[in-house]
N, C-alpha and C. Protein backbone atom coordinates (compact mmCIF):
# COMPACT_ATOMS: atom_id res chain seq x y z
N MET A 1 -63.21 -129.51 -37.78
CA MET A 1 -63.51 -128.38 -37.05
C MET A 1 -64.22 -127.56 -38.07
N GLN A 2 -64.05 -127.50 -39.44
CA GLN A 2 -64.85 -126.72 -40.45
C GLN A 2 -66.22 -127.02 -40.28
N ARG A 3 -66.76 -128.15 -40.31
CA ARG A 3 -68.02 -128.51 -40.21
C ARG A 3 -68.69 -127.99 -38.99
N SER A 4 -68.10 -128.05 -37.76
CA SER A 4 -68.55 -127.58 -36.52
C SER A 4 -68.65 -126.17 -36.85
N LEU A 5 -67.87 -125.37 -37.31
CA LEU A 5 -67.92 -123.89 -37.77
C LEU A 5 -69.04 -123.41 -38.70
N ASP A 6 -68.94 -124.28 -39.62
CA ASP A 6 -70.40 -123.97 -40.47
C ASP A 6 -71.85 -124.44 -40.01
N SER A 7 -71.79 -125.26 -39.04
CA SER A 7 -73.26 -125.54 -38.32
C SER A 7 -73.43 -124.51 -37.39
N ALA A 8 -72.43 -124.04 -36.83
CA ALA A 8 -72.54 -123.06 -35.44
C ALA A 8 -73.13 -121.66 -36.49
N ILE A 9 -72.48 -121.58 -37.34
CA ILE A 9 -73.26 -120.32 -38.43
C ILE A 9 -74.51 -120.35 -38.87
N ARG A 10 -74.91 -121.54 -39.27
CA ARG A 10 -75.96 -121.83 -39.54
C ARG A 10 -76.92 -121.82 -38.48
N GLN A 11 -76.79 -122.20 -37.41
CA GLN A 11 -77.60 -122.17 -36.06
C GLN A 11 -77.74 -120.89 -35.87
N LEU A 12 -77.03 -119.82 -36.14
CA LEU A 12 -76.85 -118.32 -35.64
C LEU A 12 -77.78 -117.58 -36.68
N ASN A 13 -78.05 -118.24 -37.86
CA ASN A 13 -78.61 -117.83 -38.92
C ASN A 13 -77.58 -116.70 -39.57
N SER A 14 -76.78 -117.31 -40.50
CA SER A 14 -75.63 -116.49 -40.93
C SER A 14 -75.92 -115.10 -41.41
N GLN A 15 -77.14 -114.48 -42.04
CA GLN A 15 -77.43 -113.38 -42.14
C GLN A 15 -77.47 -112.31 -40.94
N ASP A 16 -77.68 -112.84 -39.93
CA ASP A 16 -77.58 -111.93 -38.49
C ASP A 16 -76.17 -111.96 -37.79
N ILE A 17 -75.09 -112.58 -38.28
CA ILE A 17 -73.96 -112.96 -37.79
C ILE A 17 -72.65 -111.82 -38.04
N SER A 18 -72.13 -111.24 -37.37
CA SER A 18 -70.93 -110.47 -37.65
C SER A 18 -69.73 -111.29 -37.95
N ASP A 19 -68.70 -110.48 -38.69
CA ASP A 19 -67.41 -110.80 -38.88
C ASP A 19 -66.80 -111.22 -37.58
N ASP A 20 -67.33 -110.24 -36.44
CA ASP A 20 -66.42 -110.62 -35.35
C ASP A 20 -67.08 -112.10 -34.54
N GLU A 21 -68.40 -112.11 -34.89
CA GLU A 21 -68.82 -113.42 -34.05
C GLU A 21 -68.43 -114.50 -34.68
N VAL A 22 -67.99 -114.56 -36.03
CA VAL A 22 -67.63 -115.52 -37.06
C VAL A 22 -66.27 -115.94 -36.31
N HIS A 23 -65.37 -114.84 -35.87
CA HIS A 23 -64.30 -115.14 -35.26
C HIS A 23 -64.28 -115.77 -33.89
N THR A 24 -65.29 -115.36 -33.33
CA THR A 24 -65.58 -115.83 -31.75
C THR A 24 -66.11 -117.36 -31.96
N LEU A 25 -66.64 -117.77 -32.73
CA LEU A 25 -67.20 -118.95 -33.19
C LEU A 25 -66.12 -119.97 -33.45
N ALA A 26 -65.03 -119.48 -34.27
CA ALA A 26 -64.17 -120.23 -34.81
C ALA A 26 -63.15 -120.41 -33.41
N ARG A 27 -63.00 -119.51 -32.72
CA ARG A 27 -62.20 -119.51 -31.62
C ARG A 27 -62.80 -120.56 -30.54
N PHE A 28 -63.79 -120.63 -30.33
CA PHE A 28 -64.44 -121.63 -29.59
C PHE A 28 -64.53 -122.98 -30.00
N VAL A 29 -64.76 -123.12 -31.28
CA VAL A 29 -64.79 -124.44 -31.76
C VAL A 29 -63.44 -124.94 -31.64
N ARG A 30 -62.35 -124.19 -31.99
CA ARG A 30 -60.86 -124.57 -31.74
C ARG A 30 -60.74 -124.92 -30.16
N ALA A 31 -61.43 -124.01 -29.45
CA ALA A 31 -61.04 -124.40 -28.04
C ALA A 31 -61.81 -125.78 -27.78
N ALA A 32 -62.77 -126.11 -28.16
CA ALA A 32 -63.54 -127.41 -27.73
C ALA A 32 -62.66 -128.51 -28.20
N PHE A 33 -62.21 -128.29 -29.66
CA PHE A 33 -61.34 -129.16 -30.02
C PHE A 33 -59.87 -129.62 -29.61
N ILE A 34 -59.51 -128.57 -28.98
CA ILE A 34 -57.98 -128.40 -28.10
C ILE A 34 -58.43 -129.43 -27.03
N ILE A 35 -59.47 -129.42 -26.31
CA ILE A 35 -59.76 -129.81 -25.00
C ILE A 35 -60.31 -131.30 -25.24
N GLY A 36 -60.40 -131.85 -26.41
CA GLY A 36 -60.65 -133.14 -26.75
C GLY A 36 -61.88 -133.48 -27.27
N ASN A 37 -62.91 -132.52 -27.37
CA ASN A 37 -64.36 -132.74 -28.04
C ASN A 37 -64.17 -132.87 -29.47
N ARG A 38 -64.50 -134.25 -30.06
CA ARG A 38 -64.50 -134.34 -31.45
C ARG A 38 -65.78 -134.44 -32.10
N ASP A 39 -67.03 -134.25 -31.48
CA ASP A 39 -68.43 -134.46 -31.89
C ASP A 39 -68.83 -133.03 -32.69
N VAL A 40 -68.93 -133.15 -33.81
CA VAL A 40 -69.30 -131.85 -34.65
C VAL A 40 -70.34 -130.98 -33.95
N GLU A 41 -71.13 -131.66 -33.59
CA GLU A 41 -72.54 -130.83 -33.29
C GLU A 41 -72.20 -130.32 -31.90
N SER A 42 -71.61 -131.21 -31.04
CA SER A 42 -71.32 -130.71 -29.51
C SER A 42 -70.27 -129.24 -29.72
N MET A 43 -69.44 -129.38 -30.79
CA MET A 43 -68.55 -127.92 -30.66
C MET A 43 -69.22 -126.96 -31.41
N ALA A 44 -70.04 -127.08 -32.10
CA ALA A 44 -70.94 -126.28 -32.76
C ALA A 44 -71.82 -125.66 -31.58
N LYS A 45 -72.68 -126.52 -30.98
CA LYS A 45 -73.48 -125.90 -29.70
C LYS A 45 -72.62 -125.16 -28.73
N PHE A 46 -71.51 -125.67 -28.43
CA PHE A 46 -70.51 -124.87 -27.38
C PHE A 46 -70.27 -123.44 -28.24
N ALA A 47 -69.84 -123.37 -29.38
CA ALA A 47 -69.45 -122.11 -29.79
C ALA A 47 -70.81 -121.20 -29.86
N VAL A 48 -71.61 -121.75 -30.53
CA VAL A 48 -73.17 -120.86 -30.50
C VAL A 48 -73.42 -120.42 -29.02
N LYS A 49 -73.35 -121.11 -28.04
CA LYS A 49 -73.66 -120.78 -26.74
C LYS A 49 -72.67 -119.53 -26.16
N ALA A 50 -71.40 -119.73 -26.56
CA ALA A 50 -70.37 -118.53 -26.37
C ALA A 50 -70.77 -117.21 -27.01
N VAL A 51 -71.18 -117.26 -28.26
CA VAL A 51 -71.61 -116.18 -28.89
C VAL A 51 -72.80 -115.55 -28.38
N LEU A 52 -74.03 -116.31 -27.79
CA LEU A 52 -75.06 -116.02 -27.46
C LEU A 52 -74.55 -115.32 -26.00
N VAL A 53 -73.98 -115.65 -25.26
CA VAL A 53 -73.70 -115.22 -23.94
C VAL A 53 -72.86 -113.95 -24.10
N ARG A 54 -72.04 -113.81 -25.02
CA ARG A 54 -71.46 -112.60 -25.38
C ARG A 54 -72.54 -111.35 -25.79
N ARG A 55 -73.31 -111.90 -26.64
CA ARG A 55 -74.57 -110.83 -27.39
C ARG A 55 -75.21 -110.33 -26.02
N LYS A 56 -75.64 -111.15 -25.07
CA LYS A 56 -76.29 -110.76 -23.83
C LYS A 56 -75.52 -109.80 -23.21
N SER A 57 -74.34 -110.06 -23.08
CA SER A 57 -73.28 -109.34 -22.14
C SER A 57 -73.24 -107.90 -22.83
N ARG A 58 -73.07 -107.70 -24.18
CA ARG A 58 -72.86 -106.74 -24.74
C ARG A 58 -74.31 -105.82 -24.90
N ALA A 59 -75.41 -106.54 -24.89
CA ALA A 59 -76.46 -105.78 -24.81
C ALA A 59 -76.59 -105.33 -23.46
N ASN A 60 -76.33 -106.04 -22.44
CA ASN A 60 -76.48 -105.66 -20.82
C ASN A 60 -75.62 -104.18 -20.84
N ALA A 61 -74.45 -104.37 -21.28
CA ALA A 61 -73.28 -103.06 -21.01
C ALA A 61 -73.89 -101.86 -21.82
N GLU A 62 -74.50 -102.06 -23.15
CA GLU A 62 -75.04 -100.88 -23.71
C GLU A 62 -76.23 -100.38 -23.01
N ALA A 63 -77.27 -101.06 -22.43
CA ALA A 63 -78.19 -100.61 -21.79
C ALA A 63 -77.65 -99.68 -20.65
N LYS A 64 -76.56 -100.31 -19.93
CA LYS A 64 -76.15 -99.61 -18.71
C LYS A 64 -75.50 -98.18 -19.05
N ASP A 65 -75.13 -98.20 -20.15
CA ASP A 65 -74.38 -97.10 -20.81
C ASP A 65 -75.33 -95.80 -20.99
N GLN A 66 -76.54 -96.37 -21.57
CA GLN A 66 -77.50 -95.50 -21.89
C GLN A 66 -78.08 -95.14 -20.62
N ILE A 67 -78.31 -95.78 -19.61
CA ILE A 67 -78.70 -95.55 -18.27
C ILE A 67 -78.17 -94.30 -17.87
N ASN A 68 -76.67 -94.64 -18.10
CA ASN A 68 -75.74 -93.62 -17.28
C ASN A 68 -75.70 -92.33 -17.84
N ARG A 69 -76.17 -92.36 -19.22
CA ARG A 69 -75.93 -91.09 -20.17
C ARG A 69 -77.35 -90.27 -19.98
N SER A 70 -78.23 -90.94 -19.46
CA SER A 70 -79.54 -90.18 -19.13
C SER A 70 -79.50 -89.32 -18.12
């Protein structure tokens, strides 16, 4: 699981990743493992996709907040 987490962090470019996102990656790597996935790269890709979806969702929410403030 650690190799999957390390790979996911590298895929997201560790300089652009927050502690919150590292925790999210770890949770999703763990979830992939729990459901039976044992492929290092597959677990990493699953976690990266989850973080990217979360980033997009947050960006959309922030944009809506700014529109509502205007």
